[in-house]
């Protein structure tokens, strides 16, 4: 870890999460020899977040083992990492970033990679001891002790983070309830039939899953002892974990007059309305040529891909971001891989690979493949999802009978779709 400040302006990155850290290293990989300053606010070196809800909560991996790079890597590459530097202001006119301790950093190019914050549950009792959110390594450490065998856990929100934590808690012997205000799980991510397939697996493992219900309040004096629903139901519990989505951290950008639209608004080169300021990762919304709309993605691959491209564009390459989204999740003995944007579909085709695995293809109103969700064993689904990514990227219109027929190799359909 380094802390030496450079006197001359260079590349400054606000946000030492996955995307910010990868971008810092990509700048060096692409030939930038000037100063790089990476500013974080968690007091930790950048780390990988996906293991937090899985291996870390299971006790199979420490947060130290999640680090993206060794501290010596930053020193060797002359990346000035400040893991506990709170940024208070961006002055676009003078191209200066101000820190809470009074430090001011000039920049040639600025990258905002501030990520997102968990959306708070706004009900009485939400501040009680035992109510948790999972976004950071510190959050994970606070939750681990709550997952002892026999503990009763209520998860508010049936998104991927909530369902992953549920699977982990069941593996640790907890009694788990999931409550969701929406009519089904994963509404922003996958079609209903895919969500239902996953929910059924949770129910088989003993999870109490309830839809169309809302929290009225969280009960307890100093610590949580129950969750009270609007329909009058009371669920006794020892802990509550809230996973009701995230909000992009746009406050710094907004105060600096940078355009915001469901995140920091960037063009397809990841540049903001200020030519010296870029944004990437969970915090930014970008125009998708593939799906013909502005999107903001909250996933590992997007953070990884955008970091690589934004680094080159900060150096003047002018490349466009047009990757096909890809996401994965592990729950119980199931691997879930999602390519494209299944939620943009109006129809679905199911390919049953075997008794353990299947792929759900998502078709839009023009008959174009816009998503594919593989659920099952990794060897059964991984290759087909990679092929589906290519088909989605080509905006392929594939015969639905062929998509649903496991006897027809998905790879053979590529030849029918010219670039």
Protein backbone atom coordinates (compact mmCIF):
# COMPACT_ATOMS: atom_id res chain seq x y z
CA UNK A 1 0.00 0.00 0.00
CA UNK A 2 1.38 3.41 -0.89
CA UNK A 3 0.61 6.88 0.38
CA UNK A 4 3.06 9.22 -1.33
CA UNK A 5 1.28 12.15 -2.97
CA UNK A 6 2.35 13.38 -6.39
CA UNK A 7 2.79 17.10 -7.02
CA UNK A 8 1.86 17.05 -10.70
CA UNK A 9 -1.68 16.29 -11.93
CA UNK A 10 -2.31 12.74 -13.09
CA UNK A 11 -5.04 10.13 -13.18
CA UNK A 12 -7.24 10.28 -10.08
CA UNK A 13 -9.76 7.52 -9.34
CA UNK A 14 -12.49 8.13 -6.77
CA UNK A 15 -13.64 4.74 -5.52
CA UNK A 16 -11.37 1.82 -4.65
CA UNK A 17 -13.83 -0.95 -5.38
CA UNK A 18 -13.52 -3.59 -8.08
CA UNK A 19 -13.88 -1.27 -11.07
CA UNK A 20 -11.65 1.48 -9.68
CA UNK A 21 -8.84 -0.89 -8.75
CA UNK A 22 -8.94 -2.69 -12.09
CA UNK A 23 -8.92 0.64 -13.93
CA UNK A 24 -5.84 1.79 -12.02
CA UNK A 25 -3.92 -1.31 -13.06
CA UNK A 26 -5.28 -1.13 -16.62
CA UNK A 27 -3.89 2.39 -16.95
CA UNK A 28 -0.42 1.00 -16.29
CA UNK A 29 -1.04 -1.95 -18.64
CA UNK A 30 -1.90 0.54 -21.40
CA UNK A 31 1.26 2.55 -21.04
CA UNK A 32 0.41 5.40 -18.68
CA UNK A 33 3.59 6.28 -16.79
CA UNK A 34 2.33 9.33 -14.89
CA UNK A 35 0.81 9.55 -11.43
CA UNK A 36 -2.18 7.39 -10.49
CA UNK A 37 -4.06 8.03 -7.23
CA UNK A 38 -6.71 5.56 -6.11
CA UNK A 39 -9.01 6.89 -3.37
CA UNK A 40 -11.09 4.56 -1.21
CA UNK A 41 -13.23 5.12 1.87
CA UNK A 42 -13.50 1.67 3.48
CA UNK A 43 -10.05 1.65 5.09
CA UNK A 44 -9.25 -1.57 3.19
CA UNK A 45 -7.36 -2.46 0.05
CA UNK A 46 -9.68 -3.22 -2.90
CA UNK A 47 -11.30 -6.63 -2.70
CA UNK A 48 -13.68 -8.88 -4.62
CA UNK A 49 -17.28 -8.58 -3.38
CA UNK A 50 -19.08 -11.70 -4.76
CA UNK A 51 -17.51 -14.07 -2.18
CA UNK A 52 -18.96 -12.02 0.69
CA UNK A 53 -22.42 -13.61 0.43
CA UNK A 54 -21.04 -17.07 -0.23
CA UNK A 55 -17.57 -18.28 0.82
CA UNK A 56 -16.95 -15.54 3.39
CA UNK A 57 -20.28 -16.02 5.20
CA UNK A 58 -19.72 -19.79 5.07
CA UNK A 59 -16.34 -19.33 6.75
CA UNK A 60 -14.53 -20.89 3.80
CA UNK A 61 -12.68 -17.70 2.81
CA UNK A 62 -11.38 -14.70 4.71
CA UNK A 63 -11.82 -11.14 3.53
CA UNK A 64 -8.02 -10.94 3.25
CA UNK A 65 -8.18 -13.77 0.73
CA UNK A 66 -10.65 -11.69 -1.34
CA UNK A 67 -8.13 -8.92 -2.07
CA UNK A 68 -7.85 -8.11 -5.77
CA UNK A 69 -4.11 -7.39 -5.50
CA UNK A 70 -1.36 -7.67 -2.93
CA UNK A 71 -0.47 -4.38 -1.27
CA UNK A 72 2.99 -4.71 -2.80
CA UNK A 73 1.44 -4.65 -6.28
CA UNK A 74 0.38 -1.04 -5.79
CA UNK A 75 3.87 -0.09 -4.67
CA UNK A 76 5.55 -1.92 -7.53
CA UNK A 77 3.27 -0.28 -10.09
CA UNK A 78 3.52 3.15 -8.46
CA UNK A 79 -0.21 3.37 -7.79
CA UNK A 80 -0.86 5.67 -4.85
CA UNK A 81 -3.58 3.84 -2.92
CA UNK A 82 -5.29 5.82 -0.16
CA UNK A 83 -7.88 3.42 1.30
CA UNK A 84 -9.27 5.83 3.88
CA UNK A 85 -9.60 9.08 1.91
CA UNK A 86 -13.01 10.70 1.94
CA UNK A 87 -13.58 12.93 -1.09
CA UNK A 88 -15.66 16.01 -0.31
CA UNK A 89 -15.66 17.95 -3.58
CA UNK A 90 -14.82 17.86 -7.27
CA UNK A 91 -13.91 21.26 -8.68
CA UNK A 92 -14.27 20.92 -12.42
CA UNK A 93 -13.05 24.42 -13.23
CA UNK A 94 -9.67 23.91 -11.57
CA UNK A 95 -9.65 20.11 -12.03
CA UNK A 96 -9.07 19.49 -8.37
CA UNK A 97 -10.44 16.86 -5.98
CA UNK A 98 -10.65 17.87 -2.30
CA UNK A 99 -10.38 15.38 0.58
CA UNK A 100 -11.85 15.62 4.08
CA UNK A 101 -8.39 16.17 5.59
CA UNK A 102 -7.84 19.25 3.42
CA UNK A 103 -5.68 17.58 0.79
CA UNK A 104 -6.26 18.74 -2.78
CA UNK A 105 -5.36 16.61 -5.80
CA UNK A 106 -5.13 17.96 -9.32
CA UNK A 107 -6.12 15.66 -12.15
CA UNK A 108 -5.64 15.36 -15.89
CA UNK A 109 -8.43 12.81 -16.03
CA UNK A 110 -10.79 11.83 -13.24
CA UNK A 111 -12.58 8.50 -12.95
CA UNK A 112 -15.59 8.21 -10.66
CA UNK A 113 -16.10 4.61 -9.58
CA UNK A 114 -17.98 5.17 -6.33
CA UNK A 115 -20.28 2.18 -6.74
CA UNK A 116 -23.63 1.93 -4.99
CA UNK A 117 -25.03 1.88 -1.47
CA UNK A 118 -27.71 -0.44 -0.09
CA UNK A 119 -31.22 0.97 -0.16
CA UNK A 120 -32.37 1.48 3.44
CA UNK A 121 -35.50 -0.14 4.85
CA UNK A 122 -37.58 2.77 6.11
CA UNK A 123 -39.78 1.28 8.83
CA UNK A 124 -39.89 1.57 12.63
CA UNK A 125 -37.27 -0.66 14.25
CA UNK A 126 -34.95 -0.69 11.25
CA UNK A 127 -32.15 0.75 13.42
CA UNK A 128 -32.28 -2.03 16.01
CA UNK A 129 -29.26 -4.19 16.73
CA UNK A 130 -29.49 -7.27 14.54
CA UNK A 131 -30.63 -5.49 11.36
CA UNK A 132 -27.93 -5.84 8.71
CA UNK A 133 -27.11 -4.99 5.11
CA UNK A 134 -24.45 -6.75 3.03
CA UNK A 135 -22.30 -4.60 0.77
CA UNK A 136 -18.84 -4.43 2.34
CA UNK A 137 -16.34 -6.70 4.04
CA UNK A 138 -17.19 -5.01 7.35
CA UNK A 139 -20.86 -5.83 6.75
CA UNK A 140 -19.97 -9.48 6.17
CA UNK A 141 -18.01 -9.65 9.42
CA UNK A 142 -21.03 -8.28 11.27
CA UNK A 143 -23.33 -10.92 9.79
CA UNK A 144 -21.14 -14.01 10.25
CA UNK A 145 -21.80 -14.25 13.97
CA UNK A 146 -25.53 -14.14 13.32
CA UNK A 147 -25.57 -17.33 11.28
CA UNK A 148 -24.99 -19.95 13.96
CA UNK A 149 -26.98 -23.17 13.65
CA UNK A 150 -30.53 -22.86 14.96
CA UNK A 151 -30.70 -19.07 14.55
CA UNK A 152 -33.83 -17.62 12.94
CA UNK A 153 -33.15 -15.24 10.07
CA UNK A 154 -35.54 -13.04 8.12
CA UNK A 155 -34.34 -11.72 4.78
CA UNK A 156 -36.20 -8.72 3.39
CA UNK A 157 -35.96 -8.80 -0.39
CA UNK A 158 -35.91 -11.72 -2.84
CA UNK A 159 -33.17 -10.42 -5.10
CA UNK A 160 -29.95 -12.25 -5.82
CA UNK A 161 -28.17 -10.99 -2.71
CA UNK A 162 -31.04 -12.06 -0.47
CA UNK A 163 -31.36 -15.48 -2.06
CA UNK A 164 -27.61 -16.09 -1.92
CA UNK A 165 -27.54 -15.21 1.77
CA UNK A 166 -30.54 -17.49 2.32
CA UNK A 167 -28.72 -20.44 0.74
CA UNK A 168 -25.62 -19.71 2.83
CA UNK A 169 -27.65 -19.41 6.03
CA UNK A 170 -29.41 -22.72 5.37
CA UNK A 171 -26.03 -24.37 4.84
CA UNK A 172 -25.03 -23.07 8.27
CA UNK A 173 -28.13 -24.52 9.89
CA UNK A 174 -30.30 -21.42 10.19
CA UNK A 175 -34.06 -21.27 9.87
CA UNK A 176 -34.71 -18.78 7.07
CA UNK A 177 -37.68 -16.73 5.89
CA UNK A 178 -37.62 -14.50 2.80
CA UNK A 179 -40.23 -11.79 2.46
CA UNK A 180 -40.74 -9.84 -0.76
CA UNK A 181 -43.19 -7.06 -1.59
CA UNK A 182 -43.21 -7.92 -5.30
CA UNK A 183 -45.28 -10.81 -6.72
CA UNK A 184 -42.19 -12.92 -7.49
CA UNK A 185 -38.44 -13.07 -6.97
CA UNK A 186 -35.70 -11.40 -9.00
CA UNK A 187 -38.13 -9.16 -10.86
CA UNK A 188 -35.44 -6.84 -12.25
CA UNK A 189 -33.21 -9.70 -13.39
CA UNK A 190 -35.08 -12.64 -14.91
CA UNK A 191 -38.51 -13.72 -16.19
CA UNK A 192 -40.95 -15.25 -13.75
CA UNK A 193 -40.42 -18.86 -14.78
CA UNK A 194 -36.69 -18.64 -14.05
CA UNK A 195 -37.33 -17.03 -10.68
CA UNK A 196 -39.89 -19.67 -9.79
CA UNK A 197 -37.44 -22.46 -10.58
CA UNK A 198 -34.98 -20.99 -8.05
CA UNK A 199 -37.66 -20.29 -5.46
CA UNK A 200 -38.79 -23.91 -5.59
CA UNK A 201 -35.23 -24.99 -4.77
CA UNK A 202 -35.22 -22.71 -1.74
CA UNK A 203 -38.55 -24.09 -0.62
CA UNK A 204 -37.22 -27.65 -0.99
CA UNK A 205 -34.42 -26.63 1.39
CA UNK A 206 -36.96 -25.44 3.96
CA UNK A 207 -36.93 -21.71 3.31
CA UNK A 208 -40.22 -19.93 4.00
CA UNK A 209 -40.68 -17.65 0.98
CA UNK A 210 -43.51 -15.11 0.97
CA UNK A 211 -44.47 -12.73 -1.86
CA UNK A 212 -46.74 -9.72 -1.98
CA UNK A 213 -46.08 -8.88 1.67
CA UNK A 214 -44.59 -5.76 3.22
CA UNK A 215 -42.81 -5.00 6.46
CA UNK A 216 -44.79 -2.77 8.84
CA UNK A 217 -42.11 -2.67 11.54
CA UNK A 218 -39.28 -4.60 13.10
CA UNK A 219 -39.95 -5.66 16.66
CA UNK A 220 -37.64 -5.64 19.66
CA UNK A 221 -36.41 -3.35 22.41
CA UNK A 222 -32.69 -3.01 21.79
CA UNK A 223 -32.24 -6.05 19.53
CA UNK A 224 -34.44 -7.59 16.86
CA UNK A 225 -36.88 -10.24 17.99
CA UNK A 226 -39.48 -10.22 15.20
CA UNK A 227 -40.66 -8.85 11.88
CA UNK A 228 -44.24 -7.54 11.70
CA UNK A 229 -45.96 -7.56 8.30
CA UNK A 230 -48.75 -5.27 7.13
CA UNK A 231 -51.12 -8.25 6.92
CA UNK A 232 -50.74 -8.80 10.67
CA UNK A 233 -48.32 -11.72 10.45
CA UNK A 234 -45.49 -11.74 13.00
CA UNK A 235 -42.32 -13.70 12.19
CA UNK A 236 -40.09 -14.31 15.24
CA UNK A 237 -36.40 -13.98 14.44
CA UNK A 238 -32.93 -13.33 15.82
CA UNK A 239 -31.65 -11.26 12.90
CA UNK A 240 -32.84 -9.40 9.82
CA UNK A 241 -30.88 -8.90 6.63
CA UNK A 242 -32.15 -6.27 4.23
CA UNK A 243 -31.54 -6.69 0.50
CA UNK A 244 -33.97 -4.38 -1.29
CA UNK A 245 -31.64 -3.00 -3.93
CA UNK A 246 -28.96 -0.34 -4.11
CA UNK A 247 -28.68 3.34 -4.94
CA UNK A 248 -25.77 4.58 -7.09
CA UNK A 249 -23.45 6.93 -5.20
CA UNK A 250 -23.82 10.03 -7.34
CA UNK A 251 -23.65 12.77 -4.71
CA UNK A 252 -20.14 14.01 -5.59
CA UNK A 253 -20.87 14.00 -9.31
CA UNK A 254 -24.23 15.71 -8.92
CA UNK A 255 -22.76 18.45 -6.72
CA UNK A 256 -20.12 19.05 -9.39
CA UNK A 257 -22.74 19.53 -12.11
CA UNK A 258 -22.13 16.21 -13.82
CA UNK A 259 -25.22 14.79 -15.56
CA UNK A 260 -27.08 12.09 -13.65
CA UNK A 261 -29.71 9.66 -15.00
CA UNK A 262 -30.16 6.57 -12.80
CA UNK A 263 -26.48 6.89 -12.02
CA UNK A 264 -23.80 9.08 -13.51
CA UNK A 265 -24.75 9.50 -17.17
CA UNK A 266 -21.93 8.57 -19.53
CA UNK A 267 -21.72 8.13 -23.30
CA UNK A 268 -20.70 4.86 -24.92
CA UNK A 269 -17.03 5.65 -24.23
CA UNK A 270 -17.89 6.00 -20.50
CA UNK A 271 -17.20 9.74 -20.59
CA UNK A 272 -19.47 12.14 -18.69
CA UNK A 273 -20.64 15.54 -19.93
CA UNK A 274 -17.20 16.79 -18.77
CA UNK A 275 -14.54 15.53 -21.23
CA UNK A 276 -12.02 15.19 -18.39
CA UNK A 277 -14.27 13.04 -16.18
CA UNK A 278 -15.25 9.40 -16.73
CA UNK A 279 -17.34 6.94 -14.72
CA UNK A 280 -17.57 3.14 -14.62
CA UNK A 281 -19.06 0.26 -12.69
CA UNK A 282 -22.25 0.21 -10.61
CA UNK A 283 -22.43 4.00 -10.41
CA UNK A 284 -22.82 4.79 -14.11
CA UNK A 285 -25.61 4.50 -16.64
CA UNK A 286 -24.63 4.10 -20.28
CA UNK A 287 -26.39 3.92 -23.66
CA UNK A 288 -26.58 0.33 -24.85
CA UNK A 289 -26.45 0.00 -28.62
CA UNK A 290 -27.45 -3.63 -28.28
CA UNK A 291 -30.63 -3.01 -26.28
CA UNK A 292 -31.26 0.53 -27.55
CA UNK A 293 -31.75 2.09 -24.14
CA UNK A 294 -29.80 3.59 -21.26
CA UNK A 295 -28.81 0.97 -18.69
CA UNK A 296 -27.03 0.65 -15.38
CA UNK A 297 -25.64 -2.75 -14.46
CA UNK A 298 -24.78 -4.03 -10.99
CA UNK A 299 -22.57 -7.01 -11.66
CA UNK A 300 -18.98 -8.22 -11.49
CA UNK A 301 -18.43 -8.59 -15.23
CA UNK A 302 -19.66 -5.09 -16.00
CA UNK A 303 -17.28 -3.64 -13.41
CA UNK A 304 -14.44 -5.68 -14.89
CA UNK A 305 -15.17 -4.90 -18.54
CA UNK A 306 -15.82 -1.21 -18.05
CA UNK A 307 -12.62 -0.78 -16.04
CA UNK A 308 -10.58 -2.14 -18.93
CA UNK A 309 -12.25 0.08 -21.52
CA UNK A 310 -12.42 3.26 -19.44
CA UNK A 311 -8.70 3.08 -18.75
CA UNK A 312 -7.95 3.07 -22.47
CA UNK A 313 -10.42 5.89 -23.08
CA UNK A 314 -8.88 8.03 -20.34
CA UNK A 315 -5.75 7.72 -22.50
CA UNK A 316 -7.63 8.87 -25.61
CA UNK A 317 -8.49 5.58 -27.34
CA UNK A 318 -12.19 6.39 -27.83
CA UNK A 319 -13.44 2.79 -27.66
CA UNK A 320 -17.14 2.10 -27.23
CA UNK A 321 -18.56 -0.14 -24.53
CA UNK A 322 -20.83 -2.75 -26.07
CA UNK A 323 -20.33 -5.95 -24.07
CA UNK A 324 -23.16 -8.44 -23.60
CA UNK A 325 -24.07 -8.48 -19.89
CA UNK A 326 -23.21 -11.63 -17.96
CA UNK A 327 -23.94 -12.51 -14.36
CA UNK A 328 -23.65 -15.58 -12.16
CA UNK A 329 -24.87 -16.77 -8.78
CA UNK A 330 -24.36 -19.92 -6.70
CA UNK A 331 -27.20 -21.18 -4.52
CA UNK A 332 -27.10 -24.60 -2.88
CA UNK A 333 -25.97 -27.09 -5.53
CA UNK A 334 -27.15 -24.81 -8.34
CA UNK A 335 -25.11 -22.48 -10.50
CA UNK A 336 -27.00 -19.69 -12.23
CA UNK A 337 -25.50 -17.98 -15.27
CA UNK A 338 -27.37 -15.18 -17.03
CA UNK A 339 -26.38 -13.64 -20.36
CA UNK A 340 -28.00 -10.56 -21.87
CA UNK A 341 -31.08 -8.95 -20.34
CA UNK A 342 -33.81 -11.58 -19.88
CA UNK A 343 -36.04 -9.01 -18.19
CA UNK A 344 -36.45 -7.27 -21.58
CA UNK A 345 -38.28 -10.27 -23.04
CA UNK A 346 -41.93 -10.98 -23.70
CA UNK A 347 -41.59 -14.73 -24.32
CA UNK A 348 -39.51 -17.60 -23.01
CA UNK A 349 -38.31 -20.94 -24.38
CA UNK A 350 -37.04 -23.66 -22.04
CA UNK A 351 -34.32 -26.12 -23.05
CA UNK A 352 -34.17 -29.06 -20.61
CA UNK A 353 -30.57 -30.28 -20.61
CA UNK A 354 -31.17 -33.11 -18.12
CA UNK A 355 -32.93 -33.65 -14.80
CA UNK A 356 -30.53 -31.27 -13.08
CA UNK A 357 -30.09 -28.43 -15.55
CA UNK A 358 -32.00 -26.25 -17.98
CA UNK A 359 -31.66 -23.04 -19.93
CA UNK A 360 -34.39 -20.45 -20.27
CA UNK A 361 -34.12 -18.37 -23.44
CA UNK A 362 -35.67 -14.90 -23.49
CA UNK A 363 -37.20 -13.51 -26.70
CA UNK A 364 -38.25 -9.91 -27.32
CA UNK A 365 -41.25 -8.62 -29.30
CA UNK A 366 -39.21 -8.75 -32.55
CA UNK A 367 -38.34 -12.41 -32.05
CA UNK A 368 -34.74 -11.52 -31.15
CA UNK A 369 -32.85 -13.43 -28.47
CA UNK A 370 -32.18 -10.93 -25.65
CA UNK A 371 -31.29 -13.22 -22.77
CA UNK A 372 -30.44 -16.72 -21.62
CA UNK A 373 -30.58 -18.01 -18.05
CA UNK A 374 -28.83 -21.28 -17.29
CA UNK A 375 -29.70 -23.01 -14.01
CA UNK A 376 -28.17 -26.27 -12.84
CA UNK A 377 -24.74 -27.84 -12.84
CA UNK A 378 -21.89 -25.74 -14.19
CA UNK A 379 -20.65 -28.26 -16.81
CA UNK A 380 -24.19 -28.60 -18.17
CA UNK A 381 -24.83 -24.91 -18.80
CA UNK A 382 -21.56 -22.97 -19.12
CA UNK A 383 -20.79 -23.67 -22.79
CA UNK A 384 -24.32 -22.99 -23.98
CA UNK A 385 -24.46 -19.71 -22.07
CA UNK A 386 -21.23 -18.60 -23.77
CA UNK A 387 -22.77 -19.44 -27.16
CA UNK A 388 -25.94 -17.61 -26.16
CA UNK A 389 -23.85 -14.53 -25.34
CA UNK A 390 -22.58 -14.51 -28.91
CA UNK A 391 -26.07 -14.96 -30.35
CA UNK A 392 -27.40 -12.14 -28.18
CA UNK A 393 -24.55 -9.90 -29.30
CA UNK A 394 -25.52 -10.59 -32.92
CA UNK A 395 -29.20 -9.86 -32.21
CA UNK A 396 -30.07 -13.26 -33.56
CA UNK A 397 -33.63 -14.31 -34.27
CA UNK A 398 -33.54 -18.08 -33.70
CA UNK A 399 -36.33 -20.55 -34.36
CA UNK A 400 -37.93 -21.22 -30.98
CA UNK A 401 -38.27 -24.95 -31.68
CA UNK A 402 -34.51 -25.16 -32.24
CA UNK A 403 -33.80 -23.25 -29.04
CA UNK A 404 -35.94 -25.63 -27.04
CA UNK A 405 -34.56 -28.83 -28.59
CA UNK A 406 -31.55 -30.18 -26.64
CA UNK A 407 -30.76 -32.53 -29.55
CA UNK A 408 -29.77 -29.48 -31.62
CA UNK A 409 -26.40 -28.16 -30.54
CA UNK A 410 -26.69 -24.48 -29.75
CA UNK A 411 -23.30 -23.91 -31.33
CA UNK A 412 -24.64 -25.14 -34.65
CA UNK A 413 -27.04 -22.20 -34.72
CA UNK A 414 -24.14 -19.74 -34.87
CA UNK A 415 -23.46 -20.63 -38.48
CA UNK A 416 -26.98 -19.50 -39.39
CA UNK A 417 -26.43 -16.05 -37.94
CA UNK A 418 -24.05 -13.91 -39.95
CA UNK A 419 -22.37 -10.94 -38.36
